[in-house]
Protein backbone atom coordinates (compact mmCIF):
# COMPACT_ATOMS: atom_id res chain seq x y z
CA MET A 1 18.44 -19.73 3.34
CA ASN A 2 18.88 -16.21 2.38
CA ILE A 3 18.97 -13.80 5.42
CA THR A 4 20.47 -10.44 4.76
CA GLU A 5 23.17 -9.39 7.17
CA HIS A 6 20.86 -6.39 8.05
CA ALA A 7 17.96 -8.61 9.10
CA TYR A 8 20.28 -10.94 11.05
CA ASN A 9 21.84 -8.01 12.81
CA ARG A 10 18.39 -6.55 13.66
CA ILE A 11 17.05 -9.78 15.23
CA GLU A 12 20.40 -10.27 17.30
CA GLU A 13 20.24 -6.51 18.34
CA ARG A 14 16.48 -7.07 19.51
CA LEU A 15 17.46 -10.09 21.48
CA GLU A 16 20.45 -8.68 22.90
CA HIS A 17 18.50 -5.58 24.01
CA MET A 18 15.69 -7.93 25.61
CA CYS A 19 18.52 -9.76 27.42
CA ASP A 20 20.21 -6.68 28.65
CA LYS A 21 16.76 -5.46 30.05
CA ASP A 22 16.22 -8.81 31.78
CA ASP A 23 13.20 -9.47 29.42
CA ILE A 24 14.81 -12.92 28.43
CA THR A 25 17.49 -14.91 29.97
CA GLU A 26 20.89 -15.38 28.33
CA GLU A 27 19.97 -19.15 27.79
CA GLU A 28 16.72 -18.21 26.03
CA GLN A 29 18.64 -15.68 23.82
CA GLU A 30 21.31 -18.33 23.15
CA THR A 31 18.58 -20.96 22.13
CA ILE A 32 16.81 -18.51 19.79
CA MET A 33 20.16 -17.39 18.21
CA GLU A 34 21.33 -20.99 17.74
CA ASN A 35 18.20 -21.96 15.99
CA LEU A 36 18.36 -18.85 13.94
CA ASN A 37 21.96 -20.02 12.95
CA LEU A 38 20.75 -23.50 12.24
CA ILE A 39 18.14 -22.45 9.81
CA SER A 40 20.28 -19.85 8.21
CA GLU A 41 22.56 -22.59 7.09
CA ARG A 42 19.79 -24.61 5.41
CA ASP A 43 18.22 -24.33 2.12
CA PHE A 44 14.46 -24.42 1.98
CA GLU A 45 12.35 -25.37 -0.84
CA LYS A 46 11.35 -22.24 -2.84
CA ASP A 47 7.87 -23.21 -3.67
CA ILE A 48 7.08 -23.85 0.04
CA SER A 49 6.69 -21.36 2.82
CA TYR A 50 7.56 -21.91 6.47
CA GLY A 51 6.74 -20.72 9.79
CA ILE A 52 9.47 -21.54 12.18
CA MET A 53 9.31 -21.29 16.05
CA LEU A 54 12.89 -20.29 17.11
CA GLY A 55 12.27 -20.33 20.95
CA ARG A 56 10.02 -19.61 23.78
CA PHE A 57 10.72 -17.54 26.75
CA LYS A 58 9.36 -16.87 30.23
CA ILE A 59 7.77 -13.48 30.73
CA ASN A 60 9.45 -11.01 33.16
CA PRO A 61 6.37 -9.36 34.77
CA LYS A 62 8.56 -6.23 35.66
CA SER A 63 9.48 -5.94 31.89
CA TYR A 64 8.49 -2.58 30.06
CA LEU A 65 7.45 -4.95 27.31
CA VAL A 66 4.65 -6.69 29.41
CA THR A 67 1.15 -6.12 28.23
CA LYS A 68 -1.86 -7.46 30.17
CA LYS A 69 -4.39 -6.79 27.18
CA HIS A 70 -4.87 -10.60 26.55
CA PRO A 71 -7.41 -12.78 28.20
CA SER A 72 -5.10 -15.87 27.77
CA GLY A 73 -2.27 -14.35 29.71
CA VAL A 74 0.57 -11.92 30.12
CA TYR A 75 2.77 -11.41 27.08
CA TYR A 76 5.41 -9.21 25.66
CA GLU A 77 4.36 -6.70 23.25
CA ILE A 78 6.71 -4.85 20.61
CA ASN A 79 5.45 -1.94 18.80
CA SER A 80 8.33 -0.51 16.82
CA LYS A 81 8.15 2.72 14.60
CA ASP A 82 11.48 1.72 13.24
CA GLU A 83 10.89 0.80 9.52
CA TYR A 84 14.18 -1.22 9.60
CA ASP A 85 13.21 -3.21 12.74
CA VAL A 86 12.64 -6.90 11.61
CA VAL A 87 10.59 -7.65 14.74
CA LYS A 88 7.80 -5.01 15.17
CA ASP A 89 4.09 -4.86 16.10
CA SER A 90 3.85 -8.33 17.61
CA THR A 91 2.78 -9.93 21.01
CA GLY A 92 3.74 -13.09 22.57
CA ASN A 93 6.04 -15.33 24.52
CA GLU A 94 7.59 -17.33 21.51
CA PHE A 95 9.97 -16.03 18.84
CA TRP A 96 8.99 -17.04 15.20
CA VAL A 97 10.13 -16.34 11.70
CA ILE A 98 8.56 -16.71 8.31
CA ILE A 99 10.58 -18.04 5.27
CA ARG A 100 9.14 -17.74 1.66
CA ASN A 101 11.19 -18.44 -1.38
CA ASN A 102 14.10 -19.52 0.84
CA ARG A 103 14.23 -16.00 2.23
CA LEU A 104 13.60 -14.93 5.82
CA ILE A 105 10.81 -12.47 5.44
CA THR A 106 10.02 -11.43 8.95
CA ALA A 107 10.52 -12.20 12.68
CA PHE A 108 7.94 -11.72 15.28
CA LEU A 109 6.52 -12.81 18.67
CA ARG A 110 3.58 -15.17 18.88
CA LYS A 111 1.60 -16.68 21.81
CA THR A 112 1.93 -20.11 22.75
CA VAL A 113 -1.92 -20.49 22.76
CA GLN A 114 -1.82 -19.60 19.03
CA ARG A 115 0.23 -22.73 18.09
CA GLN A 116 -3.00 -24.70 17.37
CA THR A 117 -3.87 -22.14 14.61
CA ALA A 118 -0.41 -21.70 13.19
CA HIS A 119 -1.12 -23.80 10.23
CA MET A 120 -4.17 -22.02 9.26
CA PRO A 121 -4.62 -19.30 6.64
CA ARG A 122 -3.83 -15.73 7.96
CA ASP A 123 -7.41 -14.42 7.98
CA GLU A 124 -8.14 -17.44 10.30
CA GLY A 125 -5.54 -16.55 12.82
CA GLY A 126 -2.78 -18.58 11.25
CA LEU A 127 0.50 -17.83 9.75
CA GLY A 128 -0.48 -18.41 6.15
CA VAL A 129 2.46 -20.75 5.49
CA ASP A 130 2.79 -24.30 4.01
CA GLU A 131 4.78 -25.87 6.89
CA ILE A 132 5.19 -25.19 10.48
CA ILE A 133 8.54 -26.03 12.11
CA GLY A 134 9.05 -26.07 16.03
């Protein structure tokens, strides 16, 4: 799979920052990075798009990322104004990526309760991808 060094570094930086602030544990960070490394070594079919869950994490209720806006629970919310941030404007307790044409397009947070709609079109709350992994 094609992931730019910049995108990889931004994901790694975001996870390190979350770990340093006790938003995720070292084990959760390691699992997500291990899964990112696993998919980065694989070639995906170019005519199929994929939504891949890299890992789930427990919410630290004392985190500055916590939002209580969702009736289904308490989640982290990332609202980055950095145009180069690969993870921005997302809410959840799972870390996901989208791969299109064998390229990592975006990384984001998603709620566990949204898993049942992941396979659906984007306008119906899904990821708008052909295959879900994870």
